[in-house]
């Protein structure tokens, strides 16, 4: 699963439903391995866009996902919040 997530790590994936699929991983089952969740979060950092802000913020505030929060928090910083969108 982690390998499949890494395959989505391209800028072309922004134009697909990749972010929806990756966000769905977190909603399905947090008992997925930490590697899978971390990879999904890392790829979300590339493929998510401002429309995903609320969902990314909710995930980033969930301490149950541990270190997988790091890429999500970085995404939030990069996008500056709802008022900082470019």
PDB file of N, CA and C in Angstrom:
ATOM      1  N   UNK A   1       0.817  -1.191   0.000  1.00  0.00           N
ATOM      2  CA  UNK A   1       0.000   0.000   0.000  1.00  0.00           C
ATOM      3  C   UNK A   1       0.865   1.260   0.000  1.00  0.00           C
ATOM      4  N   UNK A   2       1.937   1.247   0.771  1.00  0.00           N
ATOM      5  CA  UNK A   2       2.841   2.404   0.798  1.00  0.00           C
ATOM      6  C   UNK A   2       3.449   2.628  -0.580  1.00  0.00           C
ATOM      7  N   UNK A   3       3.810   1.543  -1.239  1.00  0.00           N
ATOM      8  CA  UNK A   3       4.388   1.646  -2.583  1.00  0.00           C
ATOM      9  C   UNK A   3       3.381   2.249  -3.556  1.00  0.00           C
ATOM     10  N   UNK A   4       2.140   1.845  -3.470  1.00  0.00           N
ATOM     11  CA  UNK A   4       1.092   2.391  -4.342  1.00  0.00           C
ATOM     12  C   UNK A   4       0.895   3.877  -4.072  1.00  0.00           C
ATOM     13  N   UNK A   5       0.986   4.275  -2.822  1.00  0.00           N
ATOM     14  CA  UNK A   5       0.875   5.700  -2.487  1.00  0.00           C
ATOM     15  C   UNK A   5       2.020   6.481  -3.118  1.00  0.00           C
ATOM     16  N   UNK A   6       3.235   5.924  -3.044  1.00  0.00           N
ATOM     17  CA  UNK A   6       4.395   6.602  -3.631  1.00  0.00           C
ATOM     18  C   UNK A   6       4.229   6.769  -5.137  1.00  0.00           C
ATOM     19  N   UNK A   7       3.557   5.848  -5.796  1.00  0.00           N
ATOM     20  CA  UNK A   7       3.358   5.947  -7.238  1.00  0.00           C
ATOM     21  C   UNK A   7       2.526   7.174  -7.617  1.00  0.00           C
ATOM     22  N   UNK A   8       1.748   7.680  -6.676  1.00  0.00           N
ATOM     23  CA  UNK A   8       0.934   8.862  -6.929  1.00  0.00           C
ATOM     24  C   UNK A   8       1.698  10.159  -6.711  1.00  0.00           C
ATOM     25  N   UNK A   9       2.940  10.068  -6.296  1.00  0.00           N
ATOM     26  CA  UNK A   9       3.722  11.240  -5.925  1.00  0.00           C
ATOM     27  C   UNK A   9       4.248  11.961  -7.153  1.00  0.00           C
ATOM     28  N   UNK A  10       3.338  12.500  -7.939  1.00  0.00           N
ATOM     29  CA  UNK A  10       3.693  13.267  -9.129  1.00  0.00           C
ATOM     30  C   UNK A  10       2.792  14.491  -9.198  1.00  0.00           C
ATOM     31  N   UNK A  11       3.263  15.524  -9.847  1.00  0.00           N
ATOM     32  CA  UNK A  11       2.421  16.709  -9.995  1.00  0.00           C
ATOM     33  C   UNK A  11       1.226  16.424 -10.893  1.00  0.00           C
ATOM     34  N   UNK A  12       1.357  15.472 -11.804  1.00  0.00           N
ATOM     35  CA  UNK A  12       0.207  15.104 -12.654  1.00  0.00           C
ATOM     36  C   UNK A  12      -0.941  14.558 -11.833  1.00  0.00           C
ATOM     37  N   UNK A  13      -0.640  13.968 -10.695  1.00  0.00           N
ATOM     38  CA  UNK A  13      -1.689  13.384  -9.851  1.00  0.00           C
ATOM     39  C   UNK A  13      -2.604  14.457  -9.272  1.00  0.00           C
ATOM     40  N   UNK A  14      -2.171  15.711  -9.278  1.00  0.00           N
ATOM     41  CA  UNK A  14      -3.032  16.797  -8.795  1.00  0.00           C
ATOM     42  C   UNK A  14      -4.304  16.911  -9.616  1.00  0.00           C
ATOM     43  N   UNK A  15      -4.228  16.526 -10.855  1.00  0.00           N
ATOM     44  CA  UNK A  15      -5.367  16.659 -11.758  1.00  0.00           C
ATOM     45  C   UNK A  15      -6.276  15.435 -11.723  1.00  0.00           C
ATOM     46  N   UNK A  16      -6.074  14.569 -10.756  1.00  0.00           N
ATOM     47  CA  UNK A  16      -6.873  13.357 -10.633  1.00  0.00           C
ATOM     48  C   UNK A  16      -7.579  13.349  -9.283  1.00  0.00           C
ATOM     49  N   UNK A  17      -8.144  12.216  -8.942  1.00  0.00           N
ATOM     50  CA  UNK A  17      -8.791  12.075  -7.638  1.00  0.00           C
ATOM     51  C   UNK A  17      -7.835  11.456  -6.619  1.00  0.00           C
ATOM     52  N   UNK A  18      -6.540  11.604  -6.840  1.00  0.00           N
ATOM     53  CA  UNK A  18      -5.548  11.006  -5.950  1.00  0.00           C
ATOM     54  C   UNK A  18      -5.710  11.497  -4.521  1.00  0.00           C
ATOM     55  N   UNK A  19      -5.917  12.788  -4.331  1.00  0.00           N
ATOM     56  CA  UNK A  19      -6.039  13.292  -2.959  1.00  0.00           C
ATOM     57  C   UNK A  19      -7.263  12.693  -2.277  1.00  0.00           C
ATOM     58  N   UNK A  20      -8.338  12.527  -3.013  1.00  0.00           N
ATOM     59  CA  UNK A  20      -9.550  11.916  -2.440  1.00  0.00           C
ATOM     60  C   UNK A  20      -9.273  10.482  -1.995  1.00  0.00           C
ATOM     61  N   UNK A  21      -8.564   9.744  -2.811  1.00  0.00           N
ATOM     62  CA  UNK A  21      -8.239   8.356  -2.460  1.00  0.00           C
ATOM     63  C   UNK A  21      -7.327   8.291  -1.243  1.00  0.00           C
ATOM     64  N   UNK A  22      -6.342   9.162  -1.188  1.00  0.00           N
ATOM     65  CA  UNK A  22      -5.403   9.162  -0.064  1.00  0.00           C
ATOM     66  C   UNK A  22      -6.078   9.621   1.224  1.00  0.00           C
ATOM     67  N   UNK A  23      -6.904  10.637   1.134  1.00  0.00           N
ATOM     68  CA  UNK A  23      -7.645  11.073   2.314  1.00  0.00           C
ATOM     69  C   UNK A  23      -8.554   9.954   2.810  1.00  0.00           C
ATOM     70  N   UNK A  24      -9.087   9.191   1.879  1.00  0.00           N
ATOM     71  CA  UNK A  24      -9.939   8.064   2.237  1.00  0.00           C
ATOM     72  C   UNK A  24      -9.206   6.995   3.035  1.00  0.00           C
ATOM     73  N   UNK A  25      -7.914   6.837   2.789  1.00  0.00           N
ATOM     74  CA  UNK A  25      -7.130   5.863   3.569  1.00  0.00           C
ATOM     75  C   UNK A  25      -7.177   6.186   5.053  1.00  0.00           C
ATOM     76  N   UNK A  26      -7.068   7.451   5.376  1.00  0.00           N
ATOM     77  CA  UNK A  26      -7.087   7.862   6.779  1.00  0.00           C
ATOM     78  C   UNK A  26      -8.463   7.651   7.392  1.00  0.00           C
ATOM     79  N   UNK A  27      -9.491   7.820   6.598  1.00  0.00           N
ATOM     80  CA  UNK A  27     -10.848   7.679   7.104  1.00  0.00           C
ATOM     81  C   UNK A  27     -11.262   6.217   7.250  1.00  0.00           C
ATOM     82  N   UNK A  28     -10.668   5.351   6.461  1.00  0.00           N
ATOM     83  CA  UNK A  28     -11.042   3.941   6.504  1.00  0.00           C
ATOM     84  C   UNK A  28     -10.577   3.234   7.762  1.00  0.00           C
ATOM     85  N   UNK A  29      -9.288   3.352   8.026  1.00  0.00           N
ATOM     86  CA  UNK A  29      -8.744   2.545   9.112  1.00  0.00           C
ATOM     87  C   UNK A  29      -7.397   3.080   9.542  1.00  0.00           C
ATOM     88  N   UNK A  30      -7.342   3.632  10.739  1.00  0.00           N
ATOM     89  CA  UNK A  30      -6.072   4.165  11.238  1.00  0.00           C
ATOM     90  C   UNK A  30      -5.121   3.065  11.681  1.00  0.00           C
ATOM     91  N   UNK A  31      -5.548   1.823  11.589  1.00  0.00           N
ATOM     92  CA  UNK A  31      -4.658   0.729  11.956  1.00  0.00           C
ATOM     93  C   UNK A  31      -3.777   0.300  10.791  1.00  0.00           C
ATOM     94  N   UNK A  32      -3.868   1.008   9.691  1.00  0.00           N
ATOM     95  CA  UNK A  32      -2.917   0.767   8.611  1.00  0.00           C
ATOM     96  C   UNK A  32      -1.536   1.034   9.193  1.00  0.00           C
ATOM     97  N   UNK A  33      -0.524   0.439   8.645  1.00  0.00           N
ATOM     98  CA  UNK A  33       0.826   0.629   9.164  1.00  0.00           C
ATOM     99  C   UNK A  33       1.259   2.079   9.132  1.00  0.00           C
ATOM    100  N   UNK A  34       2.153   2.434  10.027  1.00  0.00           N
ATOM    101  CA  UNK A  34       2.634   3.813  10.072  1.00  0.00           C
ATOM    102  C   UNK A  34       3.326   4.205   8.771  1.00  0.00           C
ATOM    103  N   UNK A  35       3.987   3.242   8.130  1.00  0.00           N
ATOM    104  CA  UNK A  35       4.635   3.537   6.850  1.00  0.00           C
ATOM    105  C   UNK A  35       3.602   3.929   5.804  1.00  0.00           C
ATOM    106  N   UNK A  36       2.489   3.222   5.772  1.00  0.00           N
ATOM    107  CA  UNK A  36       1.433   3.511   4.790  1.00  0.00           C
ATOM    108  C   UNK A  36       0.859   4.904   5.038  1.00  0.00           C
ATOM    109  N   UNK A  37       0.537   5.210   6.287  1.00  0.00           N
ATOM    110  CA  UNK A  37      -0.037   6.513   6.597  1.00  0.00           C
ATOM    111  C   UNK A  37       0.951   7.643   6.328  1.00  0.00           C
ATOM    112  N   UNK A  38       2.228   7.415   6.657  1.00  0.00           N
ATOM    113  CA  UNK A  38       3.229   8.443   6.407  1.00  0.00           C
ATOM    114  C   UNK A  38       3.385   8.689   4.910  1.00  0.00           C
ATOM    115  N   UNK A  39       3.443   7.624   4.127  1.00  0.00           N
ATOM    116  CA  UNK A  39       3.561   7.775   2.670  1.00  0.00           C
ATOM    117  C   UNK A  39       2.345   8.482   2.098  1.00  0.00           C
ATOM    118  N   UNK A  40       1.160   8.117   2.571  1.00  0.00           N
ATOM    119  CA  UNK A  40      -0.061   8.768   2.092  1.00  0.00           C
ATOM    120  C   UNK A  40      -0.022  10.257   2.422  1.00  0.00           C
ATOM    121  N   UNK A  41       0.405  10.599   3.625  1.00  0.00           N
ATOM    122  CA  UNK A  41       0.493  12.003   4.029  1.00  0.00           C
ATOM    123  C   UNK A  41       1.538  12.747   3.201  1.00  0.00           C
ATOM    124  N   UNK A  42       2.652  12.097   2.917  1.00  0.00           N
ATOM    125  CA  UNK A  42       3.708  12.715   2.111  1.00  0.00           C
ATOM    126  C   UNK A  42       3.215  12.998   0.700  1.00  0.00           C
ATOM    127  N   UNK A  43       2.504  12.051   0.127  1.00  0.00           N
ATOM    128  CA  UNK A  43       1.972  12.254  -1.223  1.00  0.00           C
ATOM    129  C   UNK A  43       0.882  13.331  -1.203  1.00  0.00           C
ATOM    130  N   UNK A  44       0.073  13.360  -0.161  1.00  0.00           N
ATOM    131  CA  UNK A  44      -0.939  14.411  -0.050  1.00  0.00           C
ATOM    132  C   UNK A  44      -0.291  15.787  -0.072  1.00  0.00           C
ATOM    133  N   UNK A  45       0.890  15.892   0.476  1.00  0.00           N
ATOM    134  CA  UNK A  45       1.596  17.176   0.476  1.00  0.00           C
ATOM    135  C   UNK A  45       1.810  17.672  -0.949  1.00  0.00           C
ATOM    136  N   UNK A  46       1.924  16.759  -1.899  1.00  0.00           N
ATOM    137  CA  UNK A  46       2.119  17.122  -3.300  1.00  0.00           C
ATOM    138  C   UNK A  46       0.800  17.256  -4.058  1.00  0.00           C
ATOM    139  N   UNK A  47      -0.136  16.351  -3.825  1.00  0.00           N
ATOM    140  CA  UNK A  47      -1.326  16.301  -4.685  1.00  0.00           C
ATOM    141  C   UNK A  47      -2.541  17.044  -4.151  1.00  0.00           C
ATOM    142  N   UNK A  48      -2.577  17.356  -2.866  1.00  0.00           N
ATOM    143  CA  UNK A  48      -3.741  18.051  -2.308  1.00  0.00           C
ATOM    144  C   UNK A  48      -3.750  19.504  -2.765  1.00  0.00           C
ATOM    145  N   UNK A  49      -4.927  20.059  -2.872  1.00  0.00           N
ATOM    146  CA  UNK A  49      -5.027  21.479  -3.196  1.00  0.00           C
ATOM    147  C   UNK A  49      -5.891  22.176  -2.150  1.00  0.00           C
ATOM    148  N   UNK A  50      -6.105  23.452  -2.316  1.00  0.00           N
ATOM    149  CA  UNK A  50      -6.778  24.248  -1.288  1.00  0.00           C
ATOM    150  C   UNK A  50      -8.187  23.752  -0.974  1.00  0.00           C
ATOM    151  N   UNK A  51      -8.812  23.064  -1.902  1.00  0.00           N
ATOM    152  CA  UNK A  51     -10.148  22.511  -1.627  1.00  0.00           C
ATOM    153  C   UNK A  51     -10.097  21.442  -0.544  1.00  0.00           C
ATOM    154  N   UNK A  52      -8.922  20.879  -0.316  1.00  0.00           N
ATOM    155  CA  UNK A  52      -8.746  19.833   0.701  1.00  0.00           C
ATOM    156  C   UNK A  52      -8.363  20.404   2.064  1.00  0.00           C
ATOM    157  N   UNK A  53      -8.316  21.730   2.180  1.00  0.00           N
ATOM    158  CA  UNK A  53      -7.777  22.350   3.388  1.00  0.00           C
ATOM    159  C   UNK A  53      -8.442  21.846   4.672  1.00  0.00           C
ATOM    160  N   UNK A  54      -9.749  21.845   4.732  1.00  0.00           N
ATOM    161  CA  UNK A  54     -10.433  21.446   5.966  1.00  0.00           C
ATOM    162  C   UNK A  54     -10.132  19.999   6.340  1.00  0.00           C
ATOM    163  N   UNK A  55     -10.092  19.128   5.348  1.00  0.00           N
ATOM    164  CA  UNK A  55      -9.811  17.716   5.628  1.00  0.00           C
ATOM    165  C   UNK A  55      -8.364  17.510   6.067  1.00  0.00           C
ATOM    166  N   UNK A  56      -7.439  18.235   5.433  1.00  0.00           N
ATOM    167  CA  UNK A  56      -6.027  18.145   5.830  1.00  0.00           C
ATOM    168  C   UNK A  56      -5.869  18.675   7.254  1.00  0.00           C
ATOM    169  N   UNK A  57      -6.515  19.790   7.556  1.00  0.00           N
ATOM    170  CA  UNK A  57      -6.424  20.369   8.899  1.00  0.00           C
ATOM    171  C   UNK A  57      -6.971  19.406   9.945  1.00  0.00           C
ATOM    172  N   UNK A  58      -8.081  18.749   9.641  1.00  0.00           N
ATOM    173  CA  UNK A  58      -8.656  17.785  10.584  1.00  0.00           C
ATOM    174  C   UNK A  58      -7.707  16.618  10.813  1.00  0.00           C
ATOM    175  N   UNK A  59      -7.111  16.108   9.738  1.00  0.00           N
ATOM    176  CA  UNK A  59      -6.159  15.002   9.880  1.00  0.00           C
ATOM    177  C   UNK A  59      -4.934  15.438  10.673  1.00  0.00           C
ATOM    178  N   UNK A  60      -4.428  16.616  10.372  1.00  0.00           N
ATOM    179  CA  UNK A  60      -3.214  17.100  11.047  1.00  0.00           C
ATOM    180  C   UNK A  60      -3.435  17.304  12.540  1.00  0.00           C
ATOM    181  N   UNK A  61      -4.666  17.513  12.941  1.00  0.00           N
ATOM    182  CA  UNK A  61      -4.943  17.702  14.362  1.00  0.00           C
ATOM    183  C   UNK A  61      -5.181  16.382  15.094  1.00  0.00           C
ATOM    184  N   UNK A  62      -5.212  15.295  14.357  1.00  0.00           N
ATOM    185  CA  UNK A  62      -5.464  13.977  14.937  1.00  0.00           C
ATOM    186  C   UNK A  62      -4.152  13.352  15.419  1.00  0.00           C
ATOM    187  N   UNK A  63      -3.922  13.370  16.710  1.00  0.00           N
ATOM    188  CA  UNK A  63      -2.667  12.838  17.258  1.00  0.00           C
ATOM    189  C   UNK A  63      -2.558  11.323  17.125  1.00  0.00           C
ATOM    190  N   UNK A  64      -3.657  10.644  16.829  1.00  0.00           N
ATOM    191  CA  UNK A  64      -3.628   9.191  16.688  1.00  0.00           C
ATOM    192  C   UNK A  64      -2.800   8.737  15.491  1.00  0.00           C
ATOM    193  N   UNK A  65      -2.558   9.632  14.524  1.00  0.00           N
ATOM    194  CA  UNK A  65      -1.779   9.217  13.352  1.00  0.00           C
ATOM    195  C   UNK A  65      -0.289   9.483  13.515  1.00  0.00           C
ATOM    196  N   UNK A  66       0.104   9.952  14.685  1.00  0.00           N
ATOM    197  CA  UNK A  66       1.521  10.070  15.022  1.00  0.00           C
ATOM    198  C   UNK A  66       2.346  10.889  14.052  1.00  0.00           C
ATOM    199  N   UNK A  67       3.473  10.332  13.627  1.00  0.00           N
ATOM    200  CA  UNK A  67       4.413  11.058  12.774  1.00  0.00           C
ATOM    201  C   UNK A  67       3.857  11.341  11.391  1.00  0.00           C
ATOM    202  N   UNK A  68       2.771  10.716  11.030  1.00  0.00           N
ATOM    203  CA  UNK A  68       2.134  10.992   9.736  1.00  0.00           C
ATOM    204  C   UNK A  68       1.588  12.407   9.681  1.00  0.00           C
ATOM    205  N   UNK A  69       1.486  13.037  10.830  1.00  0.00           N
ATOM    206  CA  UNK A  69       1.005  14.411  10.866  1.00  0.00           C
ATOM    207  C   UNK A  69       2.015  15.380  10.267  1.00  0.00           C
ATOM    208  N   UNK A  70       3.293  15.057  10.316  1.00  0.00           N
ATOM    209  CA  UNK A  70       4.338  15.996   9.882  1.00  0.00           C
ATOM    210  C   UNK A  70       4.136  16.524   8.463  1.00  0.00           C
ATOM    211  N   UNK A  71       3.969  15.653   7.455  1.00  0.00           N
ATOM    212  CA  UNK A  71       3.760  16.184   6.105  1.00  0.00           C
ATOM    213  C   UNK A  71       2.470  16.994   5.992  1.00  0.00           C
ATOM    214  N   UNK A  72       1.465  16.615   6.768  1.00  0.00           N
ATOM    215  CA  UNK A  72       0.196  17.346   6.726  1.00  0.00           C
ATOM    216  C   UNK A  72       0.357  18.733   7.335  1.00  0.00           C
ATOM    217  N   UNK A  73       1.086  18.815   8.437  1.00  0.00           N
ATOM    218  CA  UNK A  73       1.347  20.116   9.050  1.00  0.00           C
ATOM    219  C   UNK A  73       2.178  20.993   8.109  1.00  0.00           C
ATOM    220  N   UNK A  74       3.138  20.386   7.430  1.00  0.00           N
ATOM    221  CA  UNK A  74       3.951  21.140   6.460  1.00  0.00           C
ATOM    222  C   UNK A  74       3.063  21.670   5.337  1.00  0.00           C
ATOM    223  N   UNK A  75       2.121  20.860   4.871  1.00  0.00           N
ATOM    224  CA  UNK A  75       1.190  21.298   3.824  1.00  0.00           C
ATOM    225  C   UNK A  75       0.394  22.508   4.308  1.00  0.00           C
ATOM    226  N   UNK A  76      -0.080  22.452   5.550  1.00  0.00           N
ATOM    227  CA  UNK A  76      -0.853  23.566   6.095  1.00  0.00           C
ATOM    228  C   UNK A  76      -0.018  24.841   6.151  1.00  0.00           C
ATOM    229  N   UNK A  77       1.240  24.718   6.571  1.00  0.00           N
ATOM    230  CA  UNK A  77       2.124  25.880   6.623  1.00  0.00           C
ATOM    231  C   UNK A  77       2.344  26.434   5.219  1.00  0.00           C
ATOM    232  N   UNK A  78       2.581  25.555   4.256  1.00  0.00           N
ATOM    233  CA  UNK A  78       2.824  25.983   2.880  1.00  0.00           C
ATOM    234  C   UNK A  78       1.630  26.704   2.278  1.00  0.00           C
ATOM    235  N   UNK A  79       0.435  26.301   2.671  1.00  0.00           N
ATOM    236  CA  UNK A  79      -0.767  26.887   2.090  1.00  0.00           C
ATOM    237  C   UNK A  79      -1.330  28.041   2.909  1.00  0.00           C
ATOM    238  N   UNK A  80      -0.763  28.300   4.057  1.00  0.00           N
ATOM    239  CA  UNK A  80      -1.070  29.499   4.809  1.00  0.00           C
ATOM    240  C   UNK A  80      -2.457  29.623   5.389  1.00  0.00           C
ATOM    241  N   UNK A  81      -3.226  28.606   5.344  1.00  0.00           N
ATOM    242  CA  UNK A  81      -4.560  28.682   5.913  1.00  0.00           C
ATOM    243  C   UNK A  81      -5.557  29.298   4.961  1.00  0.00           C
ATOM    244  N   UNK A  82      -6.807  29.305   5.341  1.00  0.00           N
ATOM    245  CA  UNK A  82      -7.862  29.768   4.441  1.00  0.00           C
ATOM    246  C   UNK A  82      -7.669  31.200   3.947  1.00  0.00           C
ATOM    247  N   UNK A  83      -7.091  32.051   4.752  1.00  0.00           N
ATOM    248  CA  UNK A  83      -6.924  33.437   4.339  1.00  0.00           C
ATOM    249  C   UNK A  83      -5.628  33.669   3.567  1.00  0.00           C
ATOM    250  N   UNK A  84      -4.718  32.691   3.595  1.00  0.00           N
ATOM    251  CA  UNK A  84      -3.433  32.861   2.948  1.00  0.00           C
ATOM    252  C   UNK A  84      -3.329  32.189   1.592  1.00  0.00           C
ATOM    253  N   UNK A  85      -4.427  31.684   1.096  1.00  0.00           N
ATOM    254  CA  UNK A  85      -4.371  30.993  -0.200  1.00  0.00           C
ATOM    255  C   UNK A  85      -3.972  31.949  -1.289  1.00  0.00           C
ATOM    256  N   UNK A  86      -3.150  31.441  -2.167  1.00  0.00           N
ATOM    257  CA  UNK A  86      -2.711  32.277  -3.305  1.00  0.00           C
ATOM    258  C   UNK A  86      -3.706  32.203  -4.427  1.00  0.00           C
TER     259      UNK A  86
END
